[in-house]
Amino acid sequence: MKNPLADGSIGDLHGQMRDLVRNPFRNKMMKQQYDAAVLTYDTKHKDFIYATGRRCLGNAWAGAFWRGFDGLLDDRWKKDAGSRQTPGYACWRAGKDIKAVLDAREALAGKTNMPATPNET
């Protein structure tokens, strides 16, 4: 049986995300966790991405990261202010922010590949 969360895209731009996302946290622990999640994604570390290119879901932080990446559980964090002060939220937010950068890049690439005039092919 396939797991849609585990079999999803892992994106690209690995090794560049540290320069493309902005850490939104002021709290030292949250800043460190967010940075660690971005670094783990950037390096394709086995805690987030298996050598085969498949998502790792073997730990809670990876699960939170990929749920953020896929835009899942948005309501959970909105309803509970206390949960937004957890390392899991920092991982979830890192996944969400990385996906936003990838989506913006994809949208920009789509616009630049469009013909300048309707008659161009």
Protein backbone atom coordinates (compact mmCIF):
# COMPACT_ATOMS: atom_id res chain seq x y z
CA MET A 1 0.00 0.00 0.00
CA LYS A 2 1.39 3.38 -1.01
CA ASN A 3 1.77 6.16 1.50
CA PRO A 4 0.99 9.47 -0.26
CA LEU A 5 3.06 11.42 2.25
CA ALA A 6 6.14 9.22 1.79
CA ASP A 7 5.82 8.99 -1.99
CA GLY A 8 5.49 12.73 -2.64
CA SER A 9 7.97 15.00 -4.39
CA ILE A 10 11.11 16.04 -2.53
CA GLY A 11 11.60 19.16 -4.63
CA ASP A 12 14.92 20.42 -5.88
CA LEU A 13 17.33 23.27 -5.16
CA HIS A 14 19.01 21.17 -2.50
CA GLY A 15 22.05 23.02 -1.21
CA GLN A 16 20.52 26.44 -1.92
CA MET A 17 17.64 26.74 0.52
CA ARG A 18 19.69 28.31 3.31
CA ASP A 19 20.04 31.37 1.09
CA LEU A 20 16.44 31.33 -0.17
CA VAL A 21 14.33 31.04 2.99
CA ARG A 22 14.19 33.46 5.90
CA ASN A 23 14.04 32.11 9.44
CA PRO A 24 10.92 33.70 11.02
CA PHE A 25 11.74 32.85 14.64
CA ARG A 26 13.25 35.00 17.41
CA ASN A 27 13.40 32.31 20.09
CA LYS A 28 16.86 30.67 20.07
CA MET A 29 15.59 27.09 20.23
CA MET A 30 13.06 27.66 17.44
CA LYS A 31 15.66 29.42 15.25
CA GLN A 32 18.06 26.53 15.70
CA GLN A 33 15.41 23.92 14.93
CA TYR A 34 14.25 25.77 11.80
CA ASP A 35 17.86 26.12 10.60
CA ALA A 36 18.52 22.44 11.32
CA ALA A 37 15.47 21.42 9.28
CA VAL A 38 16.55 23.58 6.33
CA LEU A 39 20.09 22.19 6.53
CA THR A 40 18.77 18.62 6.71
CA TYR A 41 16.73 19.25 3.55
CA ASP A 42 19.62 21.02 1.82
CA THR A 43 22.03 18.16 2.41
CA LYS A 44 19.44 15.47 1.61
CA HIS A 45 20.25 13.97 4.99
CA LYS A 46 18.87 10.49 5.61
CA ASP A 47 16.68 11.84 8.42
CA PHE A 48 14.52 13.58 5.79
CA ILE A 49 15.38 11.94 2.45
CA TYR A 50 16.50 8.37 1.85
CA ALA A 51 19.34 7.66 -0.59
CA THR A 52 16.69 6.38 -3.01
CA GLY A 53 15.14 9.87 -3.12
CA ARG A 54 12.07 8.84 -1.13
CA ARG A 55 10.89 10.87 1.83
CA CYS A 56 11.83 9.60 5.27
CA LEU A 57 8.99 9.52 7.79
CA GLY A 58 10.84 7.56 10.46
CA ASN A 59 10.99 10.41 12.94
CA ALA A 60 8.55 13.04 14.18
CA TRP A 61 10.52 16.01 12.88
CA ALA A 62 10.61 14.58 9.35
CA GLY A 63 6.88 13.92 9.50
CA ALA A 64 6.24 17.51 10.59
CA PHE A 65 8.55 18.84 7.87
CA TRP A 66 6.86 16.89 5.06
CA ARG A 67 3.39 17.81 6.32
CA GLY A 68 4.41 21.46 6.13
CA PHE A 69 5.90 20.86 2.69
CA ASP A 70 2.58 19.40 1.54
CA GLY A 71 0.49 22.07 3.28
CA LEU A 72 -1.13 19.63 5.69
CA LEU A 73 -2.31 20.40 9.24
CA ASP A 74 -2.51 24.20 8.77
CA ASP A 75 -5.49 24.38 11.12
CA ARG A 76 -3.69 22.55 13.92
CA TRP A 77 -1.14 25.32 14.30
CA LYS A 78 -3.70 28.14 13.95
CA LYS A 79 -5.91 26.81 16.76
CA ASP A 80 -3.23 26.10 19.36
CA ALA A 81 -0.80 28.93 20.13
CA GLY A 82 1.17 26.73 22.52
CA SER A 83 1.97 24.20 19.80
CA ARG A 84 3.55 26.98 17.73
CA GLN A 85 6.34 27.08 20.32
CA THR A 86 7.47 23.49 19.70
CA PRO A 87 10.35 22.10 17.61
CA GLY A 88 7.76 20.24 15.56
CA TYR A 89 6.22 23.54 14.48
CA ALA A 90 9.65 24.87 13.48
CA CYS A 91 10.13 21.80 11.25
CA TRP A 92 6.62 22.14 9.83
CA ARG A 93 7.23 25.82 9.09
CA ALA A 94 10.57 25.06 7.41
CA GLY A 95 8.82 22.57 5.12
CA LYS A 96 6.10 25.07 4.32
CA ASP A 97 8.59 27.86 3.58
CA ILE A 98 10.76 25.65 1.37
CA LYS A 99 7.72 24.56 -0.62
CA ALA A 100 6.69 28.22 -1.03
CA VAL A 101 10.12 29.02 -2.53
CA LEU A 102 9.87 26.04 -4.89
CA ASP A 103 6.33 27.01 -5.95
CA ALA A 104 7.36 30.64 -6.55
CA ARG A 105 10.32 29.49 -8.64
CA GLU A 106 8.09 27.19 -10.66
CA ALA A 107 5.55 29.97 -11.26
CA LEU A 108 8.30 32.35 -12.34
CA ALA A 109 9.77 29.74 -14.68
CA GLY A 110 6.33 29.22 -16.20
CA LYS A 111 5.96 32.93 -16.87
CA THR A 112 9.39 33.28 -18.45
CA ASN A 113 8.82 30.29 -20.74
CA MET A 114 5.63 31.79 -22.15
CA PRO A 115 5.89 33.24 -25.68
CA ALA A 116 6.16 37.03 -25.82
CA THR A 117 3.25 37.24 -28.28
CA PRO A 118 0.36 34.83 -28.87
CA ASN A 119 1.60 34.07 -32.42
CA GLU A 120 5.09 32.96 -31.33
CA THR A 121 5.74 29.25 -31.08
